[in-house]
Amino acid sequence: MSAVPQTATLIGLTPAVLAEARKEAAHSKRKAVEILEEQLALAPDEFIHALGSLVRWPVLPMARLRELAPAFDLLPFAEAAQHECIAFRDTDANVLVVSGDPFALEWQAWAQERIGGPRAPHRCRGVSGACRRRGKGHG
């Protein structure tokens, strides 16, 4: 098993590479995150960590995701699926919203409107997703 890179630039995931992927995504009608994953051809863990480093979001490992319970009362499954995200609660009642695309701003705005309050972003492994986290009392 290869080591996870400390920064995205160690494996070539730079802002310039991201800009090129976004440009290609606009022309091909694909997601930039899919293009990056395809171009870099990294192991899933390496890609998730590199992407988390690039967007400056901490990474949430798959083992942690398994500990979480779906929060369908906040984001009903059918609606969440339309926005390509899902809400979870941890054992301390913190809410995490997971998505497969950290570059798509639509799901982030929608989830924040539905749940309310600011969140610190996290990167998730397993669903190739971005997370946004809210602790108790952060409204």
Protein backbone atom coordinates (compact mmCIF):
# COMPACT_ATOMS: atom_id res chain seq x y z
CA MET A 1 0.00 0.00 0.00
CA SER A 2 1.47 3.34 -0.99
CA ALA A 3 1.78 6.25 1.37
CA VAL A 4 -0.77 9.04 1.18
CA PRO A 5 0.86 12.26 -0.02
CA GLN A 6 1.06 15.15 2.45
CA THR A 7 0.17 17.74 -0.17
CA ALA A 8 -1.55 17.68 -3.51
CA THR A 9 1.45 19.15 -5.28
CA LEU A 10 3.57 16.09 -4.43
CA ILE A 11 1.58 14.06 -6.95
CA GLY A 12 0.88 16.79 -9.47
CA LEU A 13 -2.52 18.03 -8.35
CA THR A 14 -1.91 21.75 -8.57
CA PRO A 15 -4.22 24.74 -9.07
CA ALA A 16 -3.09 24.82 -12.72
CA VAL A 17 -4.07 21.16 -13.19
CA LEU A 18 -7.43 21.91 -11.56
CA ALA A 19 -7.98 24.90 -13.85
CA GLU A 20 -7.29 22.72 -16.88
CA ALA A 21 -9.69 20.03 -15.59
CA ARG A 22 -12.40 22.65 -15.08
CA LYS A 23 -11.88 23.91 -18.62
CA GLU A 24 -12.13 20.38 -20.01
CA ALA A 25 -15.20 19.73 -17.84
CA ALA A 26 -16.96 22.76 -19.30
CA HIS A 27 -16.29 21.54 -22.84
CA SER A 28 -17.08 17.89 -22.22
CA LYS A 29 -20.06 18.39 -19.86
CA ARG A 30 -18.34 16.17 -17.29
CA LYS A 31 -17.39 16.93 -13.69
CA ALA A 32 -13.94 18.35 -12.99
CA VAL A 33 -13.47 15.90 -10.12
CA GLU A 34 -14.06 12.96 -12.51
CA ILE A 35 -11.55 14.35 -15.01
CA LEU A 36 -8.95 14.87 -12.28
CA GLU A 37 -9.43 11.35 -10.96
CA GLU A 38 -9.10 9.92 -14.46
CA GLN A 39 -6.04 12.02 -15.40
CA LEU A 40 -4.10 11.45 -12.20
CA ALA A 41 -4.83 7.70 -12.09
CA LEU A 42 -4.09 7.52 -8.37
CA ALA A 43 -5.24 4.95 -5.87
CA PRO A 44 -8.56 6.07 -4.33
CA ASP A 45 -7.02 6.98 -0.95
CA GLU A 46 -4.23 8.96 -2.60
CA PHE A 47 -6.68 10.85 -4.79
CA ILE A 48 -9.01 11.72 -1.91
CA HIS A 49 -6.12 12.94 0.25
CA ALA A 50 -4.59 14.93 -2.61
CA LEU A 51 -7.93 16.52 -3.43
CA GLY A 52 -8.54 17.30 0.23
CA SER A 53 -5.13 18.95 0.36
CA LEU A 54 -5.85 20.99 -2.77
CA VAL A 55 -9.18 22.35 -1.54
CA ARG A 56 -7.82 22.59 2.02
CA TRP A 57 -10.44 20.29 3.51
CA PRO A 58 -9.55 17.65 6.11
CA VAL A 59 -10.15 14.07 4.98
CA LEU A 60 -12.74 11.87 6.62
CA PRO A 61 -11.75 8.19 6.26
CA MET A 62 -14.19 5.44 5.31
CA ALA A 63 -14.00 3.95 8.80
CA ARG A 64 -15.33 7.23 10.18
CA LEU A 65 -18.15 7.35 7.64
CA ARG A 66 -19.28 3.90 8.79
CA GLU A 67 -19.73 5.28 12.32
CA LEU A 68 -22.22 7.90 11.15
CA ALA A 69 -26.01 7.62 10.96
CA PRO A 70 -27.95 9.07 8.01
CA ALA A 71 -29.83 12.28 8.91
CA PHE A 72 -32.75 11.96 6.52
CA ASP A 73 -34.83 14.20 8.79
CA LEU A 74 -32.55 17.09 7.75
CA LEU A 75 -31.99 16.17 4.11
CA PRO A 76 -34.52 13.57 2.90
CA PHE A 77 -32.90 10.86 0.81
CA ALA A 78 -34.75 11.62 -2.44
CA GLU A 79 -33.88 15.34 -2.29
CA ALA A 80 -30.32 14.66 -1.18
CA ALA A 81 -29.84 12.22 -4.06
CA GLN A 82 -31.00 14.88 -6.52
CA HIS A 83 -28.31 17.21 -5.12
CA GLU A 84 -25.73 14.39 -4.95
CA CYS A 85 -25.17 14.71 -1.22
CA ILE A 86 -26.28 13.06 2.02
CA ALA A 87 -26.41 14.24 5.62
CA PHE A 88 -25.07 12.19 8.53
CA ARG A 89 -24.96 12.60 12.31
CA ASP A 90 -22.11 11.42 14.48
CA THR A 91 -22.50 10.15 18.05
CA ASP A 92 -22.18 13.72 19.39
CA ALA A 93 -25.03 14.96 17.13
CA ASN A 94 -22.65 16.83 14.81
CA VAL A 95 -24.02 17.03 11.28
CA LEU A 96 -21.88 16.20 8.26
CA VAL A 97 -23.05 16.61 4.69
CA VAL A 98 -21.19 14.44 2.19
CA SER A 99 -21.05 14.99 -1.55
CA GLY A 100 -19.20 13.48 -4.46
CA ASP A 101 -18.10 16.82 -5.89
CA PRO A 102 -16.33 19.51 -3.83
CA PHE A 103 -16.35 21.87 -6.82
CA ALA A 104 -20.14 21.93 -7.27
CA LEU A 105 -21.37 24.90 -5.29
CA GLU A 106 -25.05 24.10 -5.81
CA TRP A 107 -25.22 21.23 -3.31
CA GLN A 108 -23.34 23.26 -0.70
CA ALA A 109 -25.73 26.22 -0.93
CA TRP A 110 -28.76 23.91 -0.94
CA ALA A 111 -27.59 21.91 2.08
CA GLN A 112 -26.65 25.01 4.04
CA GLU A 113 -30.08 26.53 3.33
CA ARG A 114 -31.83 23.33 4.43
CA ILE A 115 -29.74 22.75 7.55
CA GLY A 116 -28.69 26.33 8.31
CA GLY A 117 -25.52 27.79 9.75
CA PRO A 118 -21.89 27.89 8.64
CA ARG A 119 -19.81 24.72 8.40
CA ALA A 120 -16.14 23.93 8.27
CA PRO A 121 -15.46 21.76 5.21
CA HIS A 122 -14.14 18.19 5.33
CA ARG A 123 -13.16 15.78 2.57
CA CYS A 124 -14.64 12.29 2.70
CA ARG A 125 -13.25 9.02 1.49
CA GLY A 126 -15.50 6.28 0.27
CA VAL A 127 -18.12 8.39 -1.40
CA SER A 128 -15.44 10.55 -3.03
CA GLY A 129 -17.13 13.40 -1.34
CA ALA A 130 -16.77 16.71 0.29
CA CYS A 131 -18.16 17.15 3.74
CA ARG A 132 -19.40 20.13 5.60
CA ARG A 133 -19.54 19.86 9.36
CA ARG A 134 -21.55 21.61 12.05
CA GLY A 135 -21.06 20.97 15.74
CA LYS A 136 -23.71 21.45 18.42
CA GLY A 137 -24.64 25.06 18.95
CA HIS A 138 -23.24 26.28 15.64
CA GLY A 139 -26.70 27.11 14.37
